[in-house]
Amino acid sequence: MKTKHIFASLMAFATLSLNTSCVGDLDQYPHIETTSQQIYTSVENYEAVLGKIYNSLVTTGQGKGGDISDLSSNFGYDYMRCYFNLQECGTDEVASTWLSGDKLSELTYLKWDATDPWVADMYYRIYYNITMCNEFLRNATDAKIASFGAENEKKLKQARAEVRFMRALFYYHALDLYRNIPFVTENDPVGSFTPPRYTGEQIFAFIESELKAIVGDMAPASECPYARASQGAAYTLLAKLYLNAEVYTGKPKYTECIEACRNAIAQGYSLNGDYSKLFNADNDKRTNEIIFALQVDATHTISWGSTTYLVCGELSNSNADQKPEDYGAISGWGSMRSRGELPAKFADGDKDKRYMFFAKGQSQNVDEMENQADGYLITKWSNLTDDGQTASNTADGGVCTDFPLFRLADVYLMYAEAVVRGGEGGSRTQALQYVNDLRRRAYGDDSGDIKENQLTKDFIIDERARELYWEGTRRTDLVRFGMFTTSSYLWQWKGGTRDGMSVDSKYNVYPIPATELTANPNLHNDGY
């Protein structure tokens, strides 16, 4: 277990008085009991709200496992469980088991609509978090910060920059998932305000300008406390934004992506020697590679989503050959396996140490989606410490494994892709070096190196799967490569058929929930 949680002193601020007018369904409103005037009265309280904003990605409330819920939502799962499902369940990386019970049929088969509970939950989680950020920023003006004295001014300015980063992150997720979305900031009135609909281009411009404006007030990676956002995190988010700019705005920004990657790399990160230890219960020690992590432990952030969902969900509850204790879990949930295409991308099998599958008693291909024996089991995530000890009782407290939202390997691959796509300011030589650095870690030597003429877009999309599977990037990657809805790449059960089929291009974007359309006449969904 982690010895000290960065936000262990988090105060109970589930009941903030917040501007939630962008949320249409009354059941989605946060509980309103404590006012901002009562909260923003000390530096310690500002820091506690900052902690709440960070923890809002992995918890659903102030109590154990979601008790004292922040939102009365359709399902009530945490931000990261929603995000993982929307990014992974409809792709070639995940075969979900409990389609009816978990309401995952529509996500799995790319057949959702504006009433899908996961689509709605993700939307409301994003805007709840944006609302918290906006309220913090309303109370973090220059004058208010200065009132706490010169000694605290720098600290609060950094906290303010981090909150603006987090809001940019939430808006980035909203942009990527929903595209044309309501827009509200701290400058808008609290109460009966109907937010305007911003286009993808407008949201893109806002996120870009925010990240550029705040990076100077954020701590460099070498000085930033673990699990807080550093300058490296800001540059990484900028790189992600630029890499997908053509999808969001119709205008490529690969040169800008290369610059952002270079700025992130210049923060001094390095690859961790052991790939598997990036995903175990001691991964908080991997600050050399992990740029920004979502902190999870069995004392302060108990959740049945986030990485508990990944560790317990990847383990079978029907295959007697797999022992959950070998992965630090009390029991497996049997929630997910891989579809057949993912392990097939590892041409050298387990010579590539990223090949982390349990195949005994499992078929590689998924002939029946809900048959737990169909599809290899993923073993990438674990609740074991570096010395092989179980970190926590997963049945009581969940896991102690953090979620590495940003890491250096992704930056290397973004740099390489931007170069291949014609961005300037980088070089194919450097891109090839970054890719082969990843492959040398994976193979333990240079036997997996590729040559310069092999560095193509086709190679990169597959290498991103090999390096980043089950890390919440796959849907975005497939959309960027024009593969998510088209017939250019088919996988098992894409579109609801065993061999896969193309689907309507509208599924490149999730719809605004129907409840929100009713509440805000400025919004509409294209194609739904």
Protein backbone atom coordinates (compact mmCIF):
# COMPACT_ATOMS: atom_id res chain seq x y z
CA MET A 1 0.00 0.00 0.00
CA LYS A 2 1.21 3.51 -0.70
CA THR A 3 2.63 5.06 2.43
CA LYS A 4 1.19 8.51 1.82
CA HIS A 5 -1.62 9.59 -0.43
CA ILE A 6 -1.00 13.03 -1.88
CA PHE A 7 -4.56 14.11 -1.05
CA ALA A 8 -5.03 12.09 2.16
CA SER A 9 -6.23 15.20 3.98
CA LEU A 10 -8.99 15.82 1.44
CA MET A 11 -11.94 17.43 3.18
CA ALA A 12 -15.54 16.42 2.57
CA PHE A 13 -16.48 18.81 -0.21
CA ALA A 14 -18.98 16.59 -2.03
CA THR A 15 -21.62 19.19 -1.26
CA LEU A 16 -20.23 22.24 -2.98
CA SER A 17 -22.69 24.81 -4.24
CA LEU A 18 -21.96 24.59 -7.95
CA ASN A 19 -23.15 26.01 -11.23
CA THR A 20 -24.74 22.99 -12.88
CA SER A 21 -27.00 24.67 -15.38
CA CYS A 22 -25.41 22.79 -18.26
CA VAL A 23 -26.76 19.57 -16.77
CA GLY A 24 -30.33 19.03 -17.79
CA ASP A 25 -31.47 16.03 -15.77
CA LEU A 26 -32.27 17.10 -12.20
CA ASP A 27 -31.14 13.70 -10.98
CA GLN A 28 -27.64 14.56 -12.17
CA TYR A 29 -27.27 17.65 -9.99
CA PRO A 30 -24.66 17.60 -7.23
CA HIS A 31 -26.09 17.92 -3.75
CA ILE A 32 -26.09 21.54 -2.61
CA GLU A 33 -25.49 22.15 1.08
CA THR A 34 -22.21 24.01 1.59
CA THR A 35 -21.65 27.32 -0.18
CA SER A 36 -18.48 28.59 -1.81
CA GLN A 37 -18.39 31.46 0.66
CA GLN A 38 -17.90 28.93 3.43
CA ILE A 39 -15.27 26.92 1.58
CA TYR A 40 -12.85 29.37 -0.02
CA THR A 41 -11.71 30.90 3.24
CA SER A 42 -8.25 29.35 3.73
CA VAL A 43 -5.32 28.08 1.70
CA GLU A 44 -5.93 24.61 3.14
CA ASN A 45 -9.46 24.61 1.79
CA TYR A 46 -8.28 25.60 -1.69
CA GLU A 47 -5.85 22.70 -1.60
CA ALA A 48 -8.59 20.35 -0.43
CA VAL A 49 -10.84 21.33 -3.34
CA LEU A 50 -7.87 20.84 -5.67
CA GLY A 51 -7.56 17.34 -4.25
CA LYS A 52 -11.26 16.75 -4.82
CA ILE A 53 -10.87 17.75 -8.47
CA TYR A 54 -7.99 15.32 -8.98
CA ASN A 55 -9.75 12.51 -7.16
CA SER A 56 -12.95 13.06 -9.12
CA LEU A 57 -11.46 10.95 -11.91
CA VAL A 58 -11.29 7.80 -9.78
CA THR A 59 -14.02 8.17 -7.15
CA THR A 60 -17.74 8.85 -7.29
CA GLY A 61 -18.27 10.45 -3.91
CA GLN A 62 -16.85 11.14 -0.47
CA GLY A 63 -17.45 7.71 1.04
CA LYS A 64 -16.02 4.25 0.56
CA GLY A 65 -16.79 2.77 -2.82
CA GLY A 66 -18.96 5.72 -3.85
CA ASP A 67 -20.94 6.37 -0.66
CA ILE A 68 -22.05 10.00 -0.23
CA SER A 69 -22.31 10.21 -3.98
CA ASP A 70 -21.46 13.38 -5.87
CA LEU A 71 -24.06 12.65 -8.54
CA SER A 72 -27.21 10.57 -8.61
CA SER A 73 -26.41 9.16 -12.02
CA ASN A 74 -27.85 6.44 -14.23
CA PHE A 75 -25.17 3.95 -13.23
CA GLY A 76 -23.02 5.90 -10.81
CA TYR A 77 -19.61 4.61 -11.88
CA ASP A 78 -16.52 6.75 -11.69
CA TYR A 79 -15.05 8.88 -14.44
CA MET A 80 -12.29 6.45 -15.38
CA ARG A 81 -14.57 3.41 -15.65
CA CYS A 82 -16.84 5.39 -17.96
CA TYR A 83 -13.89 6.69 -19.97
CA PHE A 84 -12.32 3.24 -20.31
CA ASN A 85 -15.57 1.75 -21.55
CA LEU A 86 -16.18 4.49 -24.11
CA GLN A 87 -12.58 4.30 -25.34
CA GLU A 88 -12.10 0.53 -25.35
CA CYS A 89 -15.28 -1.56 -25.30
CA GLY A 90 -16.20 -0.98 -28.94
CA THR A 91 -12.68 -1.61 -30.25
CA ASP A 92 -10.50 -4.59 -31.15
CA GLU A 93 -8.99 -4.57 -27.65
CA VAL A 94 -11.92 -5.59 -25.43
CA ALA A 95 -14.54 -8.33 -25.43
CA SER A 96 -17.04 -7.58 -22.66
CA THR A 97 -18.74 -10.45 -20.88
CA TRP A 98 -21.79 -9.10 -19.09
CA LEU A 99 -23.41 -7.23 -21.96
CA SER A 100 -26.91 -7.12 -20.55
CA GLY A 101 -26.05 -6.76 -16.87
CA ASP A 102 -23.45 -4.05 -17.51
CA LYS A 103 -25.52 -2.46 -20.31
CA LEU A 104 -22.55 -2.71 -22.66
CA SER A 105 -24.19 -4.24 -25.75
CA GLU A 106 -24.52 -0.94 -27.57
CA LEU A 107 -20.95 0.17 -26.85
CA THR A 108 -19.61 -3.28 -27.79
CA TYR A 109 -21.41 -3.42 -31.14
CA LEU A 110 -21.15 0.30 -32.05
CA LYS A 111 -24.92 0.73 -31.91
CA TRP A 112 -25.52 3.26 -29.14
CA ASP A 113 -27.92 6.18 -29.15
CA ALA A 114 -28.54 9.31 -27.08
CA THR A 115 -30.14 7.30 -24.25
CA ASP A 116 -27.17 5.00 -23.60
CA PRO A 117 -26.38 5.04 -19.84
CA TRP A 118 -22.59 4.94 -20.26
CA VAL A 119 -22.67 7.77 -22.79
CA ALA A 120 -24.79 9.82 -20.40
CA ASP A 121 -22.74 9.00 -17.30
CA MET A 122 -19.50 10.04 -19.01
CA TYR A 123 -21.04 13.30 -20.16
CA TYR A 124 -22.35 14.23 -16.73
CA ARG A 125 -19.10 13.23 -15.02
CA ILE A 126 -17.18 15.53 -17.36
CA TYR A 127 -19.46 18.49 -16.75
CA TYR A 128 -19.63 17.94 -13.01
CA ASN A 129 -15.85 18.14 -12.96
CA ILE A 130 -15.80 21.21 -15.20
CA THR A 131 -18.29 22.82 -12.82
CA MET A 132 -15.99 22.21 -9.84
CA CYS A 133 -13.10 23.75 -11.76
CA ASN A 134 -15.14 26.79 -12.71
CA GLU A 135 -16.21 27.39 -9.13
CA PHE A 136 -12.62 27.12 -7.91
CA LEU A 137 -11.53 29.63 -10.54
CA ARG A 138 -14.31 32.07 -9.63
CA ASN A 139 -12.78 32.13 -6.20
CA ALA A 140 -9.16 32.28 -7.35
CA THR A 141 -8.93 35.73 -8.84
CA ASP A 142 -5.67 37.66 -8.48
CA ALA A 143 -7.23 39.81 -5.78
CA LYS A 144 -8.54 36.84 -3.79
CA ILE A 145 -5.23 35.01 -4.03
CA ALA A 146 -3.31 38.11 -2.94
CA SER A 147 -5.51 38.39 0.14
CA PHE A 148 -3.83 35.32 1.63
CA GLY A 149 -0.44 37.03 1.72
CA ALA A 150 2.68 36.93 -0.39
CA GLU A 151 3.87 33.64 1.08
CA ASN A 152 0.79 31.79 -0.20
CA GLU A 153 0.37 33.67 -3.47
CA LYS A 154 2.76 31.52 -5.51
CA LYS A 155 1.26 28.32 -4.09
CA LEU A 156 -2.27 29.39 -4.99
CA LYS A 157 -1.25 30.56 -8.46
CA GLN A 158 0.19 27.11 -9.12
CA ALA A 159 -2.99 25.50 -7.79
CA ARG A 160 -5.03 27.76 -10.06
CA ALA A 161 -2.91 26.71 -13.06
CA GLU A 162 -3.44 23.05 -12.17
CA VAL A 163 -7.20 23.55 -11.99
CA ARG A 164 -7.14 25.23 -15.40
CA PHE A 165 -5.14 22.24 -16.67
CA MET A 166 -7.71 19.84 -15.26
CA ARG A 167 -10.54 21.80 -16.85
CA ALA A 168 -8.66 21.69 -20.16
CA LEU A 169 -8.30 17.92 -19.73
CA PHE A 170 -12.03 17.53 -19.10
CA TYR A 171 -12.86 19.70 -22.09
CA TYR A 172 -10.41 17.66 -24.18
CA HIS A 173 -12.28 14.48 -23.27
CA ALA A 174 -15.59 16.18 -24.06
CA LEU A 175 -14.22 17.38 -27.40
CA ASP A 176 -12.85 13.98 -28.30
CA LEU A 177 -15.94 12.04 -27.29
CA TYR A 178 -18.82 14.42 -28.10
CA ARG A 179 -17.22 17.08 -30.36
CA ASN A 180 -19.76 19.98 -30.48
CA ILE A 181 -20.55 20.65 -26.86
CA PRO A 182 -21.85 23.20 -24.35
CA PHE A 183 -19.24 25.64 -23.13
CA VAL A 184 -19.18 27.32 -19.74
CA THR A 185 -16.38 28.97 -17.76
CA GLU A 186 -15.96 30.83 -14.48
CA ASN A 187 -16.92 34.03 -16.31
CA ASP A 188 -20.47 32.86 -16.94
CA PRO A 189 -23.24 33.57 -14.43
CA VAL A 190 -24.20 31.05 -11.78
CA GLY A 191 -27.80 29.89 -11.87
CA SER A 192 -30.19 29.97 -14.79
CA PHE A 193 -27.69 30.16 -17.61
CA THR A 194 -28.03 28.18 -20.85
CA PRO A 195 -24.56 27.51 -22.23
CA PRO A 196 -23.92 28.04 -25.93
CA ARG A 197 -22.98 25.18 -28.23
CA TYR A 198 -19.31 25.41 -29.18
CA THR A 199 -17.99 23.71 -32.29
CA GLY A 200 -15.00 21.42 -32.24
CA GLU A 201 -12.89 24.24 -33.63
CA GLN A 202 -13.93 26.59 -30.83
CA ILE A 203 -13.30 24.06 -28.07
CA PHE A 204 -9.94 23.18 -29.64
CA ALA A 205 -8.91 26.85 -29.63
CA PHE A 206 -9.94 27.25 -25.99
CA ILE A 207 -7.98 24.21 -24.81
CA GLU A 208 -4.91 25.25 -26.79
CA SER A 209 -4.96 28.79 -25.44
CA GLU A 210 -5.48 27.60 -21.85
CA LEU A 211 -2.57 25.16 -21.92
CA LYS A 212 -0.23 27.72 -23.45
CA ALA A 213 -1.27 30.33 -20.90
CA ILE A 214 -0.81 28.21 -17.77
CA VAL A 215 2.28 26.14 -18.43
CA GLY A 216 4.59 28.79 -16.99
CA ASP A 217 2.74 28.74 -13.65
CA MET A 218 2.89 24.94 -13.38
CA ALA A 219 5.72 23.10 -11.67
CA PRO A 220 8.39 21.49 -13.86
CA ALA A 221 8.39 17.70 -13.72
CA SER A 222 11.43 17.63 -11.42
CA GLU A 223 9.61 19.70 -8.77
CA CYS A 224 6.02 18.53 -9.13
CA PRO A 225 4.54 16.31 -6.39
CA TYR A 226 3.50 12.89 -7.63
CA ALA A 227 -0.04 12.68 -9.08
CA ARG A 228 -0.27 16.43 -9.61
CA ALA A 229 -0.12 17.95 -13.07
CA SER A 230 3.27 19.32 -14.11
CA GLN A 231 4.51 21.24 -17.12
CA GLY A 232 5.17 17.82 -18.66
CA ALA A 233 1.47 16.97 -18.35
CA ALA A 234 0.49 20.24 -20.03
CA TYR A 235 2.84 19.63 -22.96
CA THR A 236 1.61 16.04 -23.29
CA LEU A 237 -2.02 17.15 -23.41
CA LEU A 238 -1.08 19.75 -26.02
CA ALA A 239 0.59 17.01 -28.07
CA LYS A 240 -2.56 14.88 -27.92
CA LEU A 241 -4.67 17.85 -28.93
CA TYR A 242 -2.43 18.64 -31.91
CA LEU A 243 -2.09 15.02 -33.01
CA ASN A 244 -5.88 14.84 -33.38
CA ALA A 245 -6.37 18.38 -34.66
CA GLU A 246 -7.34 17.26 -38.15
CA VAL A 247 -10.15 15.17 -36.67
CA TYR A 248 -11.38 17.98 -34.44
CA THR A 249 -10.96 20.98 -36.75
CA GLY A 250 -10.18 19.70 -40.25
CA LYS A 251 -6.72 21.29 -40.07
CA PRO A 252 -3.56 19.24 -39.37
CA LYS A 253 -1.17 20.43 -36.66
CA TYR A 254 1.56 17.79 -36.78
CA THR A 255 4.36 20.35 -36.61
CA GLU A 256 2.85 21.73 -33.43
CA CYS A 257 2.51 18.17 -32.11
CA ILE A 258 6.23 17.58 -32.62
CA GLU A 259 7.08 20.77 -30.74
CA ALA A 260 4.81 19.80 -27.84
CA CYS A 261 6.36 16.32 -27.72
CA ARG A 262 9.84 17.80 -27.69
CA ASN A 263 8.87 20.11 -24.82
CA ALA A 264 7.46 17.18 -22.85
CA ILE A 265 10.54 15.03 -23.45
CA ALA A 266 12.78 17.94 -22.43
CA GLN A 267 11.29 17.70 -18.92
CA GLY A 268 13.76 14.86 -18.35
CA TYR A 269 11.62 11.71 -18.43
CA SER A 270 13.08 8.30 -19.28
CA LEU A 271 11.66 4.88 -20.06
CA ASN A 272 11.21 2.50 -17.17
CA GLY A 273 13.26 -0.65 -17.65
CA ASP A 274 10.44 -3.09 -16.86
CA TYR A 275 7.23 -2.56 -18.84
CA SER A 276 5.10 -4.67 -16.50
CA LYS A 277 5.96 -2.54 -13.46
CA LEU A 278 4.23 0.43 -15.01
CA PHE A 279 0.94 -1.30 -14.18
CA ASN A 280 1.46 -2.83 -10.73
CA ALA A 281 0.68 -1.61 -7.23
CA ASP A 282 4.07 0.10 -6.89
CA ASN A 283 3.79 2.02 -10.13
CA ASP A 284 3.81 5.29 -8.18
CA LYS A 285 7.59 4.74 -8.13
CA ARG A 286 7.78 5.02 -11.95
CA THR A 287 7.95 8.80 -12.02
CA ASN A 288 10.75 8.56 -14.58
CA GLU A 289 8.21 7.49 -17.24
CA ILE A 290 4.76 8.23 -15.87
CA ILE A 291 4.03 11.87 -16.64
CA PHE A 292 0.61 12.12 -15.01
CA ALA A 293 -1.05 9.41 -12.93
CA LEU A 294 -4.48 9.06 -11.38
CA GLN A 295 -3.80 7.93 -7.85
CA VAL A 296 -5.66 4.93 -6.47
CA ASP A 297 -5.27 3.12 -3.17
CA ALA A 298 -7.29 1.00 -0.79
CA THR A 299 -7.39 3.59 1.99
CA HIS A 300 -8.23 6.94 0.42
CA THR A 301 -9.73 6.27 -3.01
CA ILE A 302 -11.70 3.04 -2.72
CA SER A 303 -13.61 2.51 -5.93
CA TRP A 304 -15.12 -0.35 -7.88
CA GLY A 305 -14.13 1.45 -11.05
CA SER A 306 -10.77 2.94 -12.07
CA THR A 307 -7.97 0.36 -11.81
CA THR A 308 -9.98 -1.99 -9.60
CA TYR A 309 -12.15 -2.48 -12.67
CA LEU A 310 -9.05 -3.23 -14.75
CA VAL A 311 -7.29 -5.59 -12.32
CA CYS A 312 -10.33 -7.55 -11.15
CA GLY A 313 -12.21 -7.18 -14.43
CA GLU A 314 -9.43 -8.73 -16.51
CA LEU A 315 -9.30 -11.88 -14.35
CA SER A 316 -11.59 -14.81 -15.05
CA ASN A 317 -14.15 -16.08 -12.57
CA SER A 318 -14.66 -19.30 -14.55
CA ASN A 319 -11.21 -20.45 -15.75
CA ALA A 320 -9.80 -22.69 -13.01
CA ASP A 321 -6.31 -22.48 -14.52
CA GLN A 322 -5.98 -18.79 -13.68
CA LYS A 323 -5.35 -17.90 -10.03
CA PRO A 324 -6.45 -14.36 -9.06
CA GLU A 325 -3.93 -14.32 -6.21
CA ASP A 326 -1.15 -14.44 -8.81
CA TYR A 327 -2.22 -10.90 -9.71
CA GLY A 328 -2.90 -9.61 -6.21
CA ALA A 329 -6.69 -10.04 -6.33
CA ILE A 330 -9.05 -11.88 -4.01
CA SER A 331 -11.24 -12.95 -6.91
CA GLY A 332 -11.74 -12.28 -10.60
CA TRP A 333 -14.82 -10.59 -11.97
CA GLY A 334 -14.69 -12.10 -15.46
CA SER A 335 -15.73 -8.78 -16.97
CA MET A 336 -13.45 -8.55 -20.01
CA ARG A 337 -11.16 -10.41 -22.37
CA SER A 338 -9.40 -9.39 -25.57
CA ARG A 339 -10.79 -9.82 -29.05
CA GLY A 340 -8.71 -12.00 -31.35
CA GLU A 341 -7.04 -9.19 -33.28
CA LEU A 342 -5.10 -7.79 -30.33
CA PRO A 343 -2.85 -10.79 -29.53
CA ALA A 344 -2.44 -11.35 -33.28
CA LYS A 345 -0.61 -8.02 -33.49
CA PHE A 346 2.29 -9.56 -31.54
CA ALA A 347 4.00 -11.47 -34.36
CA ASP A 348 6.73 -12.70 -32.02
CA GLY A 349 4.38 -13.70 -29.23
CA ASP A 350 5.84 -13.49 -25.76
CA LYS A 351 9.29 -12.60 -27.07
CA ASP A 352 7.73 -9.16 -26.85
CA LYS A 353 7.35 -8.64 -23.10
CA ARG A 354 4.29 -6.47 -23.72
CA TYR A 355 2.49 -9.68 -24.75
CA MET A 356 0.63 -10.11 -21.46
CA PHE A 357 -2.12 -12.63 -22.12
CA PHE A 358 -3.39 -15.74 -20.33
CA ALA A 359 -4.22 -18.26 -23.04
CA LYS A 360 -4.60 -21.58 -21.19
CA GLY A 361 -8.22 -22.69 -21.37
CA GLN A 362 -9.07 -19.76 -23.64
CA SER A 363 -9.51 -19.52 -27.40
CA GLN A 364 -7.90 -16.59 -29.16
CA ASN A 365 -10.97 -15.76 -31.23
CA VAL A 366 -14.30 -14.57 -29.88
CA ASP A 367 -17.03 -16.65 -31.50
CA GLU A 368 -19.55 -15.78 -28.79
CA MET A 369 -19.16 -12.40 -27.13
CA GLU A 370 -20.51 -13.49 -23.75
CA ASN A 371 -18.62 -16.80 -23.63
CA GLN A 372 -15.85 -16.26 -21.09
CA ALA A 373 -13.72 -18.94 -22.72
CA ASP A 374 -13.59 -16.95 -25.97
CA GLY A 375 -10.75 -14.44 -26.06
CA TYR A 376 -7.42 -14.42 -24.28
CA LEU A 377 -7.37 -12.93 -20.79
CA ILE A 378 -5.32 -9.76 -20.31
CA THR A 379 -2.74 -9.87 -17.50
CA LYS A 380 -1.29 -6.39 -17.92
CA TRP A 381 -2.69 -4.88 -14.73
CA SER A 382 -1.95 -6.23 -11.25
CA ASN A 383 -2.32 -5.42 -7.57
CA LEU A 384 1.09 -6.85 -6.68
CA THR A 385 3.97 -4.86 -5.25
CA ASP A 386 7.45 -5.01 -6.75
CA ASP A 387 8.37 -7.86 -4.42
CA GLY A 388 5.30 -9.87 -5.41
CA GLN A 389 3.13 -9.15 -2.38
CA THR A 390 -0.61 -8.48 -2.55
CA ALA A 391 -1.03 -4.76 -1.95
CA SER A 392 -4.59 -4.78 -0.62
CA ASN A 393 -7.75 -6.79 -0.09
CA THR A 394 -9.46 -6.12 -3.40
CA ALA A 395 -12.82 -7.35 -2.18
CA ASP A 396 -12.85 -4.79 0.63
CA GLY A 397 -10.77 -1.86 -0.54
CA GLY A 398 -10.11 -2.26 -4.23
CA VAL A 399 -6.57 -2.09 -5.59
CA CYS A 400 -3.54 0.12 -4.97
CA THR A 401 -2.56 0.46 -8.63
CA ASP A 402 -2.46 3.94 -10.12
CA PHE A 403 -3.64 4.68 -13.64
CA PRO A 404 -0.87 6.22 -15.80
CA LEU A 405 -2.97 8.61 -17.87
CA PHE A 406 0.11 10.06 -19.61
CA ARG A 407 3.47 8.38 -20.01
CA LEU A 408 6.61 8.92 -22.02
CA ALA A 409 6.08 5.95 -24.34
CA ASP A 410 2.96 7.60 -25.71
CA VAL A 411 4.87 10.83 -26.29
CA TYR A 412 7.51 8.91 -28.25
CA LEU A 413 4.83 7.34 -30.43
CA MET A 414 3.05 10.67 -30.95
CA TYR A 415 6.34 12.22 -32.05
CA ALA A 416 6.95 9.38 -34.50
CA GLU A 417 3.44 9.54 -35.94
CA ALA A 418 3.57 13.32 -36.38
CA VAL A 419 6.87 12.97 -38.25
CA VAL A 420 5.48 10.23 -40.49
CA ARG A 421 2.43 12.37 -41.21
CA GLY A 422 4.63 15.21 -42.45
CA GLY A 423 5.13 17.41 -39.41
CA GLU A 424 8.21 19.61 -39.38
CA GLY A 425 10.73 20.24 -36.62
CA GLY A 426 11.51 16.56 -36.03
CA SER A 427 13.32 13.87 -37.96
CA ARG A 428 12.69 10.33 -39.08
CA THR A 429 16.00 9.35 -37.50
CA GLN A 430 14.84 10.53 -34.09
CA ALA A 431 11.38 9.03 -34.58
CA LEU A 432 12.94 5.67 -35.46
CA GLN A 433 15.14 5.88 -32.37
CA TYR A 434 12.17 6.51 -30.10
CA VAL A 435 10.23 3.59 -31.57
CA ASN A 436 13.19 1.25 -31.29
CA ASP A 437 13.80 2.36 -27.71
CA LEU A 438 10.33 1.04 -26.92
CA ARG A 439 10.92 -2.17 -28.80
CA ARG A 440 14.30 -2.78 -27.14
CA ARG A 441 12.62 -2.52 -23.77
CA ALA A 442 9.96 -4.94 -25.02
CA TYR A 443 12.43 -7.49 -26.46
CA GLY A 444 15.33 -7.01 -24.09
CA ASP A 445 17.70 -6.50 -27.04
CA ASP A 446 17.72 -5.14 -30.59
CA SER A 447 16.05 -8.18 -32.16
CA GLY A 448 12.75 -6.32 -32.39
CA ASP A 449 14.18 -3.19 -34.01
CA ILE A 450 12.54 -1.94 -37.18
CA LYS A 451 14.25 -0.30 -40.14
CA GLU A 452 13.57 3.19 -41.40
CA ASN A 453 11.39 2.02 -44.31
CA GLN A 454 9.16 0.13 -41.86
CA LEU A 455 8.23 3.31 -40.02
CA THR A 456 4.82 3.82 -41.62
CA LYS A 457 1.35 4.79 -40.49
CA ASP A 458 0.28 1.14 -40.64
CA PHE A 459 3.14 0.19 -38.36
CA ILE A 460 2.40 2.99 -35.91
CA ILE A 461 -1.28 2.20 -35.40
CA ASP A 462 -0.35 -1.41 -34.59
CA GLU A 463 2.58 -0.38 -32.39
CA ARG A 464 0.29 1.90 -30.44
CA ALA A 465 -1.93 -1.13 -29.79
CA ARG A 466 1.03 -3.21 -28.65
CA GLU A 467 2.36 -0.52 -26.34
CA LEU A 468 -0.83 1.15 -25.07
CA TYR A 469 -3.60 -1.48 -25.09
CA TRP A 470 -6.13 -1.11 -22.30
CA GLU A 471 -4.85 2.38 -21.45
CA GLY A 472 -7.82 4.28 -22.86
CA THR A 473 -6.37 5.41 -26.19
CA ARG A 474 -7.68 2.92 -28.76
CA ARG A 475 -10.94 4.51 -29.94
CA THR A 476 -9.26 7.90 -30.42
CA ASP A 477 -6.42 6.24 -32.36
CA LEU A 478 -8.77 4.29 -34.64
CA VAL A 479 -10.85 7.41 -35.36
CA ARG A 480 -7.69 9.35 -36.25
CA PHE A 481 -6.60 6.62 -38.67
CA GLY A 482 -10.03 6.43 -40.31
CA MET A 483 -10.54 2.86 -39.05
CA PHE A 484 -13.15 3.06 -36.32
CA THR A 485 -16.31 3.02 -38.40
CA THR A 486 -15.11 2.18 -41.92
CA SER A 487 -14.44 -1.14 -43.66
CA SER A 488 -10.69 -0.39 -43.91
CA TYR A 489 -10.17 -2.35 -40.70
CA LEU A 490 -12.63 -4.94 -39.39
CA TRP A 491 -12.44 -6.82 -36.12
CA GLN A 492 -14.53 -9.49 -34.46
CA TRP A 493 -18.01 -8.25 -33.61
CA LYS A 494 -17.47 -4.76 -34.96
CA GLY A 495 -20.98 -3.63 -35.85
CA GLY A 496 -22.49 -6.72 -34.20
CA THR A 497 -21.33 -9.43 -36.64
CA ARG A 498 -18.76 -12.14 -35.93
CA ASP A 499 -16.38 -11.10 -38.72
CA GLY A 500 -17.04 -7.40 -38.36
CA MET A 501 -18.63 -4.81 -40.61
CA SER A 502 -18.50 -1.08 -41.23
CA VAL A 503 -20.93 1.14 -39.36
CA ASP A 504 -22.37 4.61 -39.84
CA SER A 505 -19.72 7.33 -39.55
CA LYS A 506 -21.85 9.06 -36.91
CA TYR A 507 -20.39 6.59 -34.42
CA ASN A 508 -17.04 8.39 -34.59
CA VAL A 509 -18.66 10.75 -32.09
CA TYR A 510 -20.89 10.00 -29.12
CA PRO A 511 -24.23 11.82 -28.90
CA ILE A 512 -25.13 14.43 -26.32
CA PRO A 513 -27.52 12.66 -23.89
CA ALA A 514 -31.20 13.04 -24.68
CA THR A 515 -31.87 14.57 -21.24
CA GLU A 516 -29.40 17.34 -22.00
CA LEU A 517 -30.96 18.09 -25.40
CA THR A 518 -34.27 18.60 -23.65
CA ALA A 519 -32.73 21.02 -21.16
CA ASN A 520 -30.58 23.04 -23.54
CA PRO A 521 -32.16 24.14 -26.85
CA ASN A 522 -28.74 25.27 -28.12
CA LEU A 523 -27.62 21.64 -28.48
CA HIS A 524 -28.28 19.02 -31.12
CA ASN A 525 -26.78 15.77 -32.36
CA ASP A 526 -25.75 15.28 -35.97
CA GLY A 527 -26.97 11.96 -37.34
CA TYR A 528 -28.64 10.62 -34.22
